[in-house]
N, C-alpha and C. Protein backbone atom coordinates (compact mmCIF):
# COMPACT_ATOMS: atom_id res chain seq x y z
N MET A 1 10.08 15.02 12.68
CA MET A 1 9.69 15.35 11.30
C MET A 1 10.05 14.20 10.37
N PHE A 2 11.26 13.67 10.54
CA PHE A 2 11.69 12.57 9.66
C PHE A 2 10.86 11.32 9.90
N SER A 3 10.57 11.04 11.17
CA SER A 3 9.78 9.83 11.49
C SER A 3 8.36 9.98 10.94
N LEU A 4 7.82 11.18 10.96
CA LEU A 4 6.47 11.42 10.43
C LEU A 4 6.46 11.15 8.93
N PHE A 5 7.50 11.61 8.24
CA PHE A 5 7.60 11.38 6.80
C PHE A 5 7.71 9.90 6.49
N MET A 6 8.48 9.18 7.30
CA MET A 6 8.63 7.74 7.09
C MET A 6 7.30 7.02 7.32
N ASN A 7 6.56 7.43 8.34
CA ASN A 7 5.26 6.82 8.61
C ASN A 7 4.31 7.02 7.44
N MET A 8 4.26 8.23 6.90
CA MET A 8 3.38 8.52 5.76
C MET A 8 3.82 7.72 4.54
N LEU A 9 5.13 7.58 4.35
CA LEU A 9 5.65 6.82 3.21
C LEU A 9 5.28 5.35 3.34
N ILE A 10 5.41 4.79 4.54
CA ILE A 10 5.07 3.38 4.77
C ILE A 10 3.58 3.15 4.54
N ILE A 11 2.75 4.06 5.04
CA ILE A 11 1.30 3.92 4.85
C ILE A 11 0.96 3.98 3.37
N PHE A 12 1.62 4.87 2.62
CA PHE A 12 1.38 5.00 1.19
C PHE A 12 1.76 3.72 0.45
N ILE A 13 2.91 3.15 0.80
CA ILE A 13 3.37 1.91 0.16
C ILE A 13 2.43 0.76 0.49
N ILE A 14 2.02 0.65 1.75
CA ILE A 14 1.13 -0.45 2.16
C ILE A 14 -0.20 -0.34 1.44
N SER A 15 -0.73 0.87 1.31
CA SER A 15 -2.02 1.05 0.63
C SER A 15 -1.90 0.66 -0.84
N ASN A 16 -0.76 0.97 -1.46
CA ASN A 16 -0.54 0.59 -2.86
C ASN A 16 -0.46 -0.93 -3.00
N ILE A 17 0.22 -1.60 -2.07
CA ILE A 17 0.34 -3.06 -2.12
C ILE A 17 -1.04 -3.70 -1.95
N MET A 18 -1.85 -3.17 -1.05
CA MET A 18 -3.19 -3.72 -0.83
C MET A 18 -4.04 -3.57 -2.09
N MET A 19 -3.93 -2.41 -2.78
CA MET A 19 -4.71 -2.19 -4.01
C MET A 19 -4.26 -3.17 -5.08
N ILE A 20 -2.94 -3.41 -5.20
CA ILE A 20 -2.42 -4.34 -6.20
C ILE A 20 -2.88 -5.76 -5.89
N LEU A 21 -2.82 -6.16 -4.62
CA LEU A 21 -3.27 -7.50 -4.23
C LEU A 21 -4.76 -7.67 -4.51
N ALA A 22 -5.54 -6.64 -4.25
CA ALA A 22 -6.99 -6.70 -4.49
C ALA A 22 -7.25 -6.88 -5.98
N SER A 23 -6.51 -6.19 -6.83
CA SER A 23 -6.72 -6.31 -8.28
C SER A 23 -6.32 -7.70 -8.77
N ILE A 24 -5.26 -8.26 -8.20
CA ILE A 24 -4.82 -9.60 -8.60
C ILE A 24 -5.86 -10.64 -8.18
N LEU A 25 -6.38 -10.52 -6.95
CA LEU A 25 -7.37 -11.47 -6.46
C LEU A 25 -8.65 -11.38 -7.29
N SER A 26 -9.04 -10.18 -7.68
CA SER A 26 -10.27 -10.02 -8.46
C SER A 26 -10.09 -10.59 -9.87
N LYS A 27 -8.88 -10.53 -10.39
CA LYS A 27 -8.63 -11.09 -11.72
C LYS A 27 -8.64 -12.62 -11.68
N LYS A 28 -8.14 -13.20 -10.58
CA LYS A 28 -8.09 -14.67 -10.46
C LYS A 28 -9.50 -15.26 -10.39
N SER A 29 -10.37 -14.61 -9.58
CA SER A 29 -11.71 -15.16 -9.38
C SER A 29 -12.66 -14.82 -10.52
C-alpha cells in the first residue's frame, strides 16, 4: 500500500515537472 502511494506520488511530481518544462520551452521559443 505504501509503495503504491509512493509510485502515484512520483508519477504526479514527474508529470508536473514535465508540464513546467514544456511551458518554459514554449516561452523561450
